[in-house]
Amino acid sequence: MKTTIRWFSRLAEAIAGGLLAAIFLTFLLQIILRYFFTPAGWTLELIGILWVWVIFFSCAFVVRERDHVKFDIVYLSAPRRARQIMSLIAAAAIVIGMLYTFLPTWDYIDWMKIRKTSTVRNPFTGNKIPLRDVFSIYAVFMLAVAARYAWMFVDILRNGPPKTELEMVVEEADEHVATDGNAS
């Protein structure tokens, strides 16, 4: 299972990196076209589309929970049991919020199929891209976040609240002392 998760994580990082590379290359192309040829408006729109995808894809599949910015002064000062309750409430609220708003959000995204990009065209068909396709990544983001926090809810019930940074540092120091003690 861990191998599958690690493989999926690496694949997601590669896709996010590919999206960022595509943004950068499109930006360079935009500069070259602007200064040496005729400016191309489609480069601006393509960068915007890629930016939407890289943000929501990365937040859904690449960014780890501990990488998020948190305002956790009250949480960190609370005892372990209170932190577990706060973590359960937060995880449940996120799952409920994402699932409750999913259908109305999807209805709006699906409605966007009637609107199309201004200048970017599908390279295979030549047609302008429906905005539903552009913003469909948000629906994927919502489901991934709901699944992630549902899993976190179960994990918190089983194992208690996530360790604080201080607890992780102390644990690493204890492991370091234990391995240094065994080595001598």
C-alpha atoms as a PDB file:
ATOM      1  CA  MET A   1       0.000   0.000   0.000  1.00  0.00           C
ATOM      2  CA  LYS A   2       2.798   2.421   0.912  1.00  0.00           C
ATOM      3  CA  THR A   3       4.511   1.694  -2.393  1.00  0.00           C
ATOM      4  CA  THR A   4       1.314   2.537  -4.284  1.00  0.00           C
ATOM      5  CA  ILE A   5       0.860   5.761  -2.319  1.00  0.00           C
ATOM      6  CA  ARG A   6       4.500   6.723  -2.875  1.00  0.00           C
ATOM      7  CA  TRP A   7       4.185   5.961  -6.620  1.00  0.00           C
ATOM      8  CA  PHE A   8       0.964   7.998  -6.873  1.00  0.00           C
ATOM      9  CA  SER A   9       2.590  10.843  -4.952  1.00  0.00           C
ATOM     10  CA  ARG A  10       5.560  10.910  -7.331  1.00  0.00           C
ATOM     11  CA  LEU A  11       3.240  10.815 -10.344  1.00  0.00           C
ATOM     12  CA  ALA A  12       1.198  13.723  -8.952  1.00  0.00           C
ATOM     13  CA  GLU A  13       4.388  15.704  -8.335  1.00  0.00           C
ATOM     14  CA  ALA A  14       5.529  14.990 -11.903  1.00  0.00           C
ATOM     15  CA  ILE A  15       2.191  16.161 -13.325  1.00  0.00           C
ATOM     16  CA  ALA A  16       2.293  19.343 -11.230  1.00  0.00           C
ATOM     17  CA  GLY A  17       5.868  19.928 -12.336  1.00  0.00           C
ATOM     18  CA  GLY A  18       4.833  19.398 -15.951  1.00  0.00           C
ATOM     19  CA  LEU A  19       2.056  21.955 -15.578  1.00  0.00           C
ATOM     20  CA  LEU A  20       4.500  24.480 -14.093  1.00  0.00           C
ATOM     21  CA  ALA A  21       6.960  23.785 -16.911  1.00  0.00           C
ATOM     22  CA  ALA A  22       4.190  24.335 -19.454  1.00  0.00           C
ATOM     23  CA  ILE A  23       3.372  27.684 -17.817  1.00  0.00           C
ATOM     24  CA  PHE A  24       7.024  28.711 -17.967  1.00  0.00           C
ATOM     25  CA  LEU A  25       7.496  27.611 -21.574  1.00  0.00           C
ATOM     26  CA  THR A  26       4.294  29.381 -22.636  1.00  0.00           C
ATOM     27  CA  PHE A  27       5.522  32.510 -20.868  1.00  0.00           C
ATOM     28  CA  LEU A  28       8.837  32.328 -22.726  1.00  0.00           C
ATOM     29  CA  LEU A  29       6.991  31.808 -26.009  1.00  0.00           C
ATOM     30  CA  GLN A  30       4.847  34.826 -25.199  1.00  0.00           C
ATOM     31  CA  ILE A  31       7.966  36.978 -24.745  1.00  0.00           C
ATOM     32  CA  ILE A  32       9.524  35.740 -27.986  1.00  0.00           C
ATOM     33  CA  LEU A  33       6.310  36.330 -29.931  1.00  0.00           C
ATOM     34  CA  ARG A  34       5.841  39.786 -28.442  1.00  0.00           C
ATOM     35  CA  TYR A  35       9.313  41.076 -29.252  1.00  0.00           C
ATOM     36  CA  PHE A  36      10.173  39.265 -32.465  1.00  0.00           C
ATOM     37  CA  PHE A  37       6.871  38.390 -34.148  1.00  0.00           C
ATOM     38  CA  THR A  38       3.190  39.178 -33.735  1.00  0.00           C
ATOM     39  CA  PRO A  39       1.902  39.011 -30.129  1.00  0.00           C
ATOM     40  CA  ALA A  40      -0.366  36.018 -29.480  1.00  0.00           C
ATOM     41  CA  GLY A  41      -3.245  36.562 -27.064  1.00  0.00           C
ATOM     42  CA  TRP A  42      -3.794  32.861 -26.653  1.00  0.00           C
ATOM     43  CA  THR A  43      -0.629  32.597 -24.537  1.00  0.00           C
ATOM     44  CA  LEU A  44      -2.206  34.694 -21.767  1.00  0.00           C
ATOM     45  CA  GLU A  45      -5.326  32.569 -21.708  1.00  0.00           C
ATOM     46  CA  LEU A  46      -3.345  29.320 -21.771  1.00  0.00           C
ATOM     47  CA  ILE A  47      -1.217  30.466 -18.832  1.00  0.00           C
ATOM     48  CA  GLY A  48      -4.410  31.279 -16.901  1.00  0.00           C
ATOM     49  CA  ILE A  49      -5.886  27.850 -17.660  1.00  0.00           C
ATOM     50  CA  LEU A  50      -2.683  26.080 -16.664  1.00  0.00           C
ATOM     51  CA  TRP A  51      -2.489  28.155 -13.468  1.00  0.00           C
ATOM     52  CA  VAL A  52      -6.004  27.094 -12.438  1.00  0.00           C
ATOM     53  CA  TRP A  53      -5.062  23.472 -13.059  1.00  0.00           C
ATOM     54  CA  VAL A  54      -1.722  23.595 -11.251  1.00  0.00           C
ATOM     55  CA  ILE A  55      -3.255  25.242  -8.165  1.00  0.00           C
ATOM     56  CA  PHE A  56      -6.199  22.885  -7.711  1.00  0.00           C
ATOM     57  CA  PHE A  57      -4.361  19.741  -8.839  1.00  0.00           C
ATOM     58  CA  SER A  58      -1.435  20.444  -6.519  1.00  0.00           C
ATOM     59  CA  CYS A  59      -3.644  21.313  -3.563  1.00  0.00           C
ATOM     60  CA  ALA A  60      -5.609  18.109  -4.100  1.00  0.00           C
ATOM     61  CA  PHE A  61      -2.743  15.673  -4.661  1.00  0.00           C
ATOM     62  CA  VAL A  62       0.663  17.180  -3.865  1.00  0.00           C
ATOM     63  CA  VAL A  63       0.447  19.535  -0.874  1.00  0.00           C
ATOM     64  CA  ARG A  64       0.591  17.619   2.390  1.00  0.00           C
ATOM     65  CA  GLU A  65      -1.480  18.515   5.433  1.00  0.00           C
ATOM     66  CA  ARG A  66       1.571  19.644   7.393  1.00  0.00           C
ATOM     67  CA  ASP A  67       2.535  22.030   4.552  1.00  0.00           C
ATOM     68  CA  HIS A  68      -0.594  24.156   4.971  1.00  0.00           C
ATOM     69  CA  VAL A  69      -0.371  27.464   6.813  1.00  0.00           C
ATOM     70  CA  LYS A  70      -2.240  27.184  10.091  1.00  0.00           C
ATOM     71  CA  PHE A  71      -3.243  29.535  12.862  1.00  0.00           C
ATOM     72  CA  ASP A  72      -2.921  26.981  15.612  1.00  0.00           C
ATOM     73  CA  ILE A  73      -1.962  28.793  18.814  1.00  0.00           C
ATOM     74  CA  VAL A  74      -5.105  27.648  20.640  1.00  0.00           C
ATOM     75  CA  TYR A  75      -4.815  24.139  19.184  1.00  0.00           C
ATOM     76  CA  LEU A  76      -1.184  23.745  20.241  1.00  0.00           C
ATOM     77  CA  SER A  77      -1.882  24.972  23.761  1.00  0.00           C
ATOM     78  CA  ALA A  78      -4.751  22.508  24.270  1.00  0.00           C
ATOM     79  CA  PRO A  79      -4.341  19.092  25.895  1.00  0.00           C
ATOM     80  CA  ARG A  80      -4.200  16.005  23.678  1.00  0.00           C
ATOM     81  CA  ARG A  81      -7.885  15.047  24.134  1.00  0.00           C
ATOM     82  CA  ALA A  82      -9.073  18.574  23.276  1.00  0.00           C
ATOM     83  CA  ARG A  83      -6.807  18.569  20.188  1.00  0.00           C
ATOM     84  CA  GLN A  84      -8.363  15.269  19.121  1.00  0.00           C
ATOM     85  CA  ILE A  85     -11.862  16.728  19.424  1.00  0.00           C
ATOM     86  CA  MET A  86     -10.861  19.891  17.537  1.00  0.00           C
ATOM     87  CA  SER A  87      -9.216  17.800  14.807  1.00  0.00           C
ATOM     88  CA  LEU A  88     -12.304  15.593  14.455  1.00  0.00           C
ATOM     89  CA  ILE A  89     -14.606  18.619  14.241  1.00  0.00           C
ATOM     90  CA  ALA A  90     -12.353  20.319  11.657  1.00  0.00           C
ATOM     91  CA  ALA A  91     -12.030  17.179   9.503  1.00  0.00           C
ATOM     92  CA  ALA A  92     -15.791  16.504   9.655  1.00  0.00           C
ATOM     93  CA  ALA A  93     -16.588  20.138   8.803  1.00  0.00           C
ATOM     94  CA  ILE A  94     -14.349  20.032   5.736  1.00  0.00           C
ATOM     95  CA  VAL A  95     -15.825  16.727   4.522  1.00  0.00           C
ATOM     96  CA  ILE A  96     -19.399  17.903   5.096  1.00  0.00           C
ATOM     97  CA  GLY A  97     -18.726  21.288   3.485  1.00  0.00           C
ATOM     98  CA  MET A  98     -17.104  19.807   0.400  1.00  0.00           C
ATOM     99  CA  LEU A  99     -19.765  17.138  -0.090  1.00  0.00           C
ATOM    100  CA  TYR A 100     -22.675  19.506   0.654  1.00  0.00           C
ATOM    101  CA  THR A 101     -21.493  22.008  -1.941  1.00  0.00           C
ATOM    102  CA  PHE A 102     -20.322  19.481  -4.524  1.00  0.00           C
ATOM    103  CA  LEU A 103     -23.575  19.088  -6.509  1.00  0.00           C
ATOM    104  CA  PRO A 104     -24.348  22.821  -6.784  1.00  0.00           C
ATOM    105  CA  THR A 105     -20.731  23.423  -7.758  1.00  0.00           C
ATOM    106  CA  TRP A 106     -20.839  20.669 -10.342  1.00  0.00           C
ATOM    107  CA  ASP A 107     -24.090  22.086 -11.751  1.00  0.00           C
ATOM    108  CA  TYR A 108     -22.334  25.406 -12.273  1.00  0.00           C
ATOM    109  CA  ILE A 109     -19.235  23.774 -13.767  1.00  0.00           C
ATOM    110  CA  ASP A 110     -21.447  21.729 -16.108  1.00  0.00           C
ATOM    111  CA  TRP A 111     -23.363  24.871 -17.089  1.00  0.00           C
ATOM    112  CA  MET A 112     -20.024  26.364 -18.154  1.00  0.00           C
ATOM    113  CA  LYS A 113     -19.984  23.969 -21.136  1.00  0.00           C
ATOM    114  CA  ILE A 114     -21.938  26.578 -23.094  1.00  0.00           C
ATOM    115  CA  ARG A 115     -19.132  29.108 -22.625  1.00  0.00           C
ATOM    116  CA  LYS A 116     -15.858  28.600 -24.419  1.00  0.00           C
ATOM    117  CA  THR A 117     -12.339  29.938 -24.183  1.00  0.00           C
ATOM    118  CA  SER A 118     -11.707  33.171 -26.053  1.00  0.00           C
ATOM    119  CA  THR A 119      -8.595  32.206 -27.962  1.00  0.00           C
ATOM    120  CA  VAL A 120      -7.257  28.800 -26.874  1.00  0.00           C
ATOM    121  CA  ARG A 121      -8.267  25.913 -29.093  1.00  0.00           C
ATOM    122  CA  ASN A 122      -8.104  22.166 -28.653  1.00  0.00           C
ATOM    123  CA  PRO A 123      -5.012  21.122 -30.626  1.00  0.00           C
ATOM    124  CA  PHE A 124      -6.718  17.906 -31.830  1.00  0.00           C
ATOM    125  CA  THR A 125     -10.094  19.237 -32.956  1.00  0.00           C
ATOM    126  CA  GLY A 126      -9.397  22.931 -33.462  1.00  0.00           C
ATOM    127  CA  ASN A 127     -12.510  23.850 -31.448  1.00  0.00           C
ATOM    128  CA  LYS A 128     -12.467  26.342 -28.611  1.00  0.00           C
ATOM    129  CA  ILE A 129     -12.326  24.618 -25.227  1.00  0.00           C
ATOM    130  CA  PRO A 130     -15.512  24.593 -23.108  1.00  0.00           C
ATOM    131  CA  LEU A 131     -14.966  26.314 -19.766  1.00  0.00           C
ATOM    132  CA  ARG A 132     -16.447  23.208 -18.123  1.00  0.00           C
ATOM    133  CA  ASP A 133     -13.252  21.395 -19.099  1.00  0.00           C
ATOM    134  CA  VAL A 134     -11.129  24.212 -17.714  1.00  0.00           C
ATOM    135  CA  PHE A 135     -12.873  24.302 -14.325  1.00  0.00           C
ATOM    136  CA  SER A 136     -13.574  20.565 -13.960  1.00  0.00           C
ATOM    137  CA  ILE A 137     -10.360  20.301 -11.933  1.00  0.00           C
ATOM    138  CA  TYR A 138     -12.173  22.102  -9.119  1.00  0.00           C
ATOM    139  CA  ALA A 139     -14.637  19.207  -8.838  1.00  0.00           C
ATOM    140  CA  VAL A 140     -11.706  16.781  -8.663  1.00  0.00           C
ATOM    141  CA  PHE A 141     -10.158  19.001  -5.986  1.00  0.00           C
ATOM    142  CA  MET A 142     -13.359  18.962  -3.928  1.00  0.00           C
ATOM    143  CA  LEU A 143     -13.648  15.167  -4.029  1.00  0.00           C
ATOM    144  CA  ALA A 144      -9.962  14.631  -3.260  1.00  0.00           C
ATOM    145  CA  VAL A 145     -10.063  16.999  -0.295  1.00  0.00           C
ATOM    146  CA  ALA A 146     -13.244  15.372   1.017  1.00  0.00           C
ATOM    147  CA  ALA A 147     -11.667  11.915   0.709  1.00  0.00           C
ATOM    148  CA  ARG A 148      -8.427  13.073   2.329  1.00  0.00           C
ATOM    149  CA  TYR A 149     -10.210  14.577   5.328  1.00  0.00           C
ATOM    150  CA  ALA A 150     -12.567  11.611   5.660  1.00  0.00           C
ATOM    151  CA  TRP A 151      -9.476   9.402   5.877  1.00  0.00           C
ATOM    152  CA  MET A 152      -7.956  11.851   8.367  1.00  0.00           C
ATOM    153  CA  PHE A 153     -11.140  11.672  10.490  1.00  0.00           C
ATOM    154  CA  VAL A 154     -10.844   7.879  10.689  1.00  0.00           C
ATOM    155  CA  ASP A 155      -7.107   8.118  11.423  1.00  0.00           C
ATOM    156  CA  ILE A 156      -7.727  10.611  14.239  1.00  0.00           C
ATOM    157  CA  LEU A 157     -10.336   8.287  15.747  1.00  0.00           C
ATOM    158  CA  ARG A 158      -7.878   5.381  15.630  1.00  0.00           C
ATOM    159  CA  ASN A 159      -4.585   7.080  16.503  1.00  0.00           C
ATOM    160  CA  GLY A 160      -5.415  10.392  18.151  1.00  0.00           C
ATOM    161  CA  PRO A 161      -4.699  13.875  16.866  1.00  0.00           C
ATOM    162  CA  PRO A 162      -1.860  14.589  14.446  1.00  0.00           C
ATOM    163  CA  LYS A 163       1.445  15.198  16.185  1.00  0.00           C
ATOM    164  CA  THR A 164       2.453  18.793  16.681  1.00  0.00           C
ATOM    165  CA  GLU A 165       5.758  20.023  15.302  1.00  0.00           C
ATOM    166  CA  LEU A 166       7.198  20.040  18.814  1.00  0.00           C
ATOM    167  CA  GLU A 167       6.170  16.414  19.367  1.00  0.00           C
ATOM    168  CA  MET A 168       7.790  15.431  16.044  1.00  0.00           C
ATOM    169  CA  VAL A 169      11.037  17.238  16.947  1.00  0.00           C
ATOM    170  CA  VAL A 170      11.147  15.595  20.383  1.00  0.00           C
ATOM    171  CA  GLU A 171      10.442  12.199  18.817  1.00  0.00           C
ATOM    172  CA  GLU A 172      13.247  12.681  16.268  1.00  0.00           C
ATOM    173  CA  ALA A 173      15.634  13.751  19.034  1.00  0.00           C
ATOM    174  CA  ASP A 174      14.724  10.669  21.090  1.00  0.00           C
ATOM    175  CA  GLU A 175      15.334   8.428  18.062  1.00  0.00           C
ATOM    176  CA  HIS A 176      18.642  10.168  17.408  1.00  0.00           C
ATOM    177  CA  VAL A 177      19.725   9.673  21.018  1.00  0.00           C
ATOM    178  CA  ALA A 178      18.625   6.020  20.892  1.00  0.00           C
ATOM    179  CA  THR A 179      20.606   5.312  17.702  1.00  0.00           C
ATOM    180  CA  ASP A 180      23.664   7.183  19.002  1.00  0.00           C
ATOM    181  CA  GLY A 181      23.443   5.273  22.255  1.00  0.00           C
ATOM    182  CA  ASN A 182      23.294   1.940  20.390  1.00  0.00           C
ATOM    183  CA  ALA A 183      26.199   2.882  18.118  1.00  0.00           C
ATOM    184  CA  SER A 184      28.635   3.448  20.987  1.00  0.00           C
END
